[in-house]
C-alpha atoms as a PDB file:
ATOM      1  CA  MET A   1     170.241  13.543-181.046  1.00  0.00           C
ATOM      2  CA  HIS A   2     170.237  16.577-178.726  1.00  0.00           C
ATOM      3  CA  LYS A   3     171.251  20.092-180.062  1.00  0.00           C
ATOM      4  CA  GLY A   4     174.948  20.584-180.320  1.00  0.00           C
ATOM      5  CA  HIS A   5     175.739  16.832-180.446  1.00  0.00           C
ATOM      6  CA  THR A   6     178.629  16.008-182.616  1.00  0.00           C
ATOM      7  CA  ALA A   7     179.126  12.592-184.033  1.00  0.00           C
ATOM      8  CA  LYS A   8     182.174  10.682-182.838  1.00  0.00           C
ATOM      9  CA  ALA A   9     184.582   9.233-185.435  1.00  0.00           C
ATOM     10  CA  MET A  10     185.440   5.727-186.016  1.00  0.00           C
ATOM     11  CA  LEU A  11     188.063   4.330-183.628  1.00  0.00           C
ATOM     12  CA  THR A  12     191.652   4.574-184.740  1.00  0.00           C
ATOM     13  CA  ASP A  13     193.522   1.321-184.755  1.00  0.00           C
ATOM     14  CA  GLU A  14     195.369   2.427-181.665  1.00  0.00           C
ATOM     15  CA  ALA A  15     192.079   3.308-179.863  1.00  0.00           C
ATOM     16  CA  PHE A  16     190.694  -0.143-180.955  1.00  0.00           C
ATOM     17  CA  ARG A  17     193.567  -1.941-179.495  1.00  0.00           C
ATOM     18  CA  ALA A  18     193.230  -0.013-176.296  1.00  0.00           C
ATOM     19  CA  TRP A  19     189.534  -0.704-176.189  1.00  0.00           C
ATOM     20  CA  CYS A  20     190.247  -4.430-176.618  1.00  0.00           C
ATOM     21  CA  GLN A  21     192.733  -4.502-173.814  1.00  0.00           C
ATOM     22  CA  HIS A  22     190.563  -2.439-171.485  1.00  0.00           C
ATOM     23  CA  ASN A  23     187.534  -4.837-172.216  1.00  0.00           C
ATOM     24  CA  GLN A  24     189.851  -7.930-171.942  1.00  0.00           C
ATOM     25  CA  ILE A  25     189.010  -9.025-175.519  1.00  0.00           C
ATOM     26  CA  ALA A  26     190.894 -12.203-176.452  1.00  0.00           C
ATOM     27  CA  MET A  27     193.613 -11.734-179.104  1.00  0.00           C
ATOM     28  CA  GLU A  28     191.885 -14.241-181.475  1.00  0.00           C
ATOM     29  CA  THR A  29     188.595 -12.260-181.215  1.00  0.00           C
ATOM     30  CA  ALA A  30     190.419  -8.737-181.527  1.00  0.00           C
ATOM     31  CA  THR A  31     192.070 -10.093-184.553  1.00  0.00           C
ATOM     32  CA  TYR A  32     188.792 -11.321-186.093  1.00  0.00           C
ATOM     33  CA  ILE A  33     187.072  -8.020-185.474  1.00  0.00           C
ATOM     34  CA  GLN A  34     190.055  -5.975-186.939  1.00  0.00           C
ATOM     35  CA  ARG A  35     189.758  -7.978-190.060  1.00  0.00           C
ATOM     36  CA  ILE A  36     186.145  -7.108-190.275  1.00  0.00           C
ATOM     37  CA  ARG A  37     186.894  -3.424-189.436  1.00  0.00           C
ATOM     38  CA  SER A  38     189.345  -3.199-192.410  1.00  0.00           C
ATOM     39  CA  SER A  39     187.398  -5.226-194.977  1.00  0.00           C
ATOM     40  CA  PRO A  40     185.142  -3.531-197.649  1.00  0.00           C
ATOM     41  CA  PRO A  41     181.410  -4.675-197.732  1.00  0.00           C
ATOM     42  CA  VAL A  42     181.133  -8.226-199.190  1.00  0.00           C
ATOM     43  CA  ARG A  43     178.281  -7.281-201.463  1.00  0.00           C
ATOM     44  CA  LYS A  44     176.485  -4.443-203.071  1.00  0.00           C
ATOM     45  CA  VAL A  45     172.899  -3.627-201.937  1.00  0.00           C
ATOM     46  CA  ARG A  46     170.286  -4.535-204.417  1.00  0.00           C
ATOM     47  CA  SER A  47     167.033  -2.734-205.249  1.00  0.00           C
ATOM     48  CA  GLY A  48     163.740  -4.794-205.341  1.00  0.00           C
ATOM     49  CA  VAL A  49     160.104  -4.111-205.936  1.00  0.00           C
ATOM     50  CA  SER A  50     159.398  -3.271-202.245  1.00  0.00           C
ATOM     51  CA  ASN A  51     162.691  -1.787-201.009  1.00  0.00           C
ATOM     52  CA  VAL A  52     164.518   1.428-201.353  1.00  0.00           C
ATOM     53  CA  THR A  53     168.383   1.365-201.634  1.00  0.00           C
ATOM     54  CA  GLY A  54     170.714   4.201-200.851  1.00  0.00           C
ATOM     55  CA  ARG A  55     173.965   5.378-199.213  1.00  0.00           C
ATOM     56  CA  TYR A  56     174.021   7.174-195.975  1.00  0.00           C
ATOM     57  CA  PRO A  57     177.019   9.558-195.486  1.00  0.00           C
ATOM     58  CA  SER A  58     178.283   8.443-191.977  1.00  0.00           C
ATOM     59  CA  VAL A  59     180.266  10.975-190.024  1.00  0.00           C
ATOM     60  CA  LYS A  60     180.946   8.276-187.371  1.00  0.00           C
ATOM     61  CA  MET A  61     182.383   5.806-189.935  1.00  0.00           C
ATOM     62  CA  GLY A  62     183.898   8.277-192.270  1.00  0.00           C
ATOM     63  CA  CYS A  63     182.335   6.642-195.302  1.00  0.00           C
ATOM     64  CA  ALA A  64     179.042   6.044-197.008  1.00  0.00           C
ATOM     65  CA  ILE A  65     177.054   3.096-195.583  1.00  0.00           C
ATOM     66  CA  GLN A  66     174.851   1.303-197.966  1.00  0.00           C
ATOM     67  CA  PHE A  67     171.242   0.192-197.089  1.00  0.00           C
ATOM     68  CA  GLU A  68     168.433  -1.562-198.889  1.00  0.00           C
ATOM     69  CA  SER A  69     165.640  -0.858-196.612  1.00  0.00           C
ATOM     70  CA  ARG A  70     164.564   2.531-195.525  1.00  0.00           C
ATOM     71  CA  HIS A  71     162.321   1.132-192.750  1.00  0.00           C
ATOM     72  CA  VAL A  72     164.751  -1.194-190.970  1.00  0.00           C
ATOM     73  CA  GLU A  73     168.317  -0.641-192.193  1.00  0.00           C
ATOM     74  CA  LEU A  74     168.269   3.116-192.760  1.00  0.00           C
ATOM     75  CA  TRP A  75     166.596   3.659-189.194  1.00  0.00           C
ATOM     76  CA  GLY A  76     169.224   1.404-187.752  1.00  0.00           C
ATOM     77  CA  ILE A  77     171.991   3.375-189.313  1.00  0.00           C
ATOM     78  CA  TYR A  78     170.400   6.647-188.356  1.00  0.00           C
ATOM     79  CA  THR A  79     170.030   5.387-184.650  1.00  0.00           C
ATOM     80  CA  MET A  80     173.655   4.043-184.526  1.00  0.00           C
ATOM     81  CA  GLU A  81     175.086   7.188-186.040  1.00  0.00           C
ATOM     82  CA  ARG A  82     173.664   9.108-183.122  1.00  0.00           C
ATOM     83  CA  ASP A  83     174.140   6.804-180.214  1.00  0.00           C
ATOM     84  CA  ASP A  84     177.268   7.527-178.240  1.00  0.00           C
ATOM     85  CA  ASN A  85     177.274   3.983-176.872  1.00  0.00           C
ATOM     86  CA  VAL A  86     177.858   2.657-180.516  1.00  0.00           C
ATOM     87  CA  LEU A  87     181.484   2.895-181.096  1.00  0.00           C
ATOM     88  CA  GLU A  88     181.312   1.620-184.889  1.00  0.00           C
ATOM     89  CA  TYR A  89     178.916  -0.048-187.196  1.00  0.00           C
ATOM     90  CA  LEU A  90     179.379  -1.647-190.534  1.00  0.00           C
ATOM     91  CA  GLY A  91     177.255  -2.685-193.426  1.00  0.00           C
ATOM     92  CA  SER A  92     177.494  -6.154-195.065  1.00  0.00           C
ATOM     93  CA  SER A  93     180.940  -6.609-193.630  1.00  0.00           C
ATOM     94  CA  GLN A  94     180.964 -10.480-193.470  1.00  0.00           C
ATOM     95  CA  ARG A  95     178.976 -13.438-194.856  1.00  0.00           C
ATOM     96  CA  ALA A  96     177.270 -15.346-192.122  1.00  0.00           C
ATOM     97  CA  GLN A  97     176.083 -18.838-192.265  1.00  0.00           C
ATOM     98  CA  LEU A  98     173.347 -19.775-189.857  1.00  0.00           C
ATOM     99  CA  GLU A  99     172.311 -23.176-188.884  1.00  0.00           C
ATOM    100  CA  VAL A 100     168.537 -23.470-188.776  1.00  0.00           C
ATOM    101  CA  TYR A 101     166.566 -26.409-187.262  1.00  0.00           C
ATOM    102  CA  THR A 102     163.145 -26.875-188.662  1.00  0.00           C
ATOM    103  CA  LEU A 103     160.400 -29.534-188.279  1.00  0.00           C
ATOM    104  CA  HIS A 104     161.083 -30.755-191.862  1.00  0.00           C
ATOM    105  CA  SER A 105     164.598 -31.152-191.723  1.00  0.00           C
ATOM    106  CA  PRO A 106     167.259 -31.698-188.900  1.00  0.00           C
ATOM    107  CA  LEU A 107     169.415 -28.861-190.280  1.00  0.00           C
ATOM    108  CA  ASP A 108     169.178 -26.314-193.116  1.00  0.00           C
ATOM    109  CA  ALA A 109     172.159 -23.989-193.691  1.00  0.00           C
ATOM    110  CA  ILE A 110     171.252 -20.485-194.795  1.00  0.00           C
ATOM    111  CA  GLN A 111     173.977 -18.197-196.052  1.00  0.00           C
ATOM    112  CA  GLN A 112     173.617 -14.505-196.257  1.00  0.00           C
ATOM    113  CA  CYS A 113     173.956 -13.227-199.765  1.00  0.00           C
END
């Protein structure tokens, strides 16, 4: 971050709609993203033996962003907060199911908790 830099705030709903239109985002995709944007985190961060949890007071997002890793997540938050190319970022906003193919099994489903 350079001297005198001020963080931009999260997009308003109107600005988000304009951004979607400008970038030709399909209505179905825009609706999905809007649902994510307006949802609270799906889980609370948990402290473990080898991690540090906390809450980063985000000016850009207008709320505290939870993290459970000071080496990866906190640095990611810190970077996104100061990057003018990042319009918004969220913490644990959706559960994701990944399909992982392994040598032992044709398909294992892993769900983020």
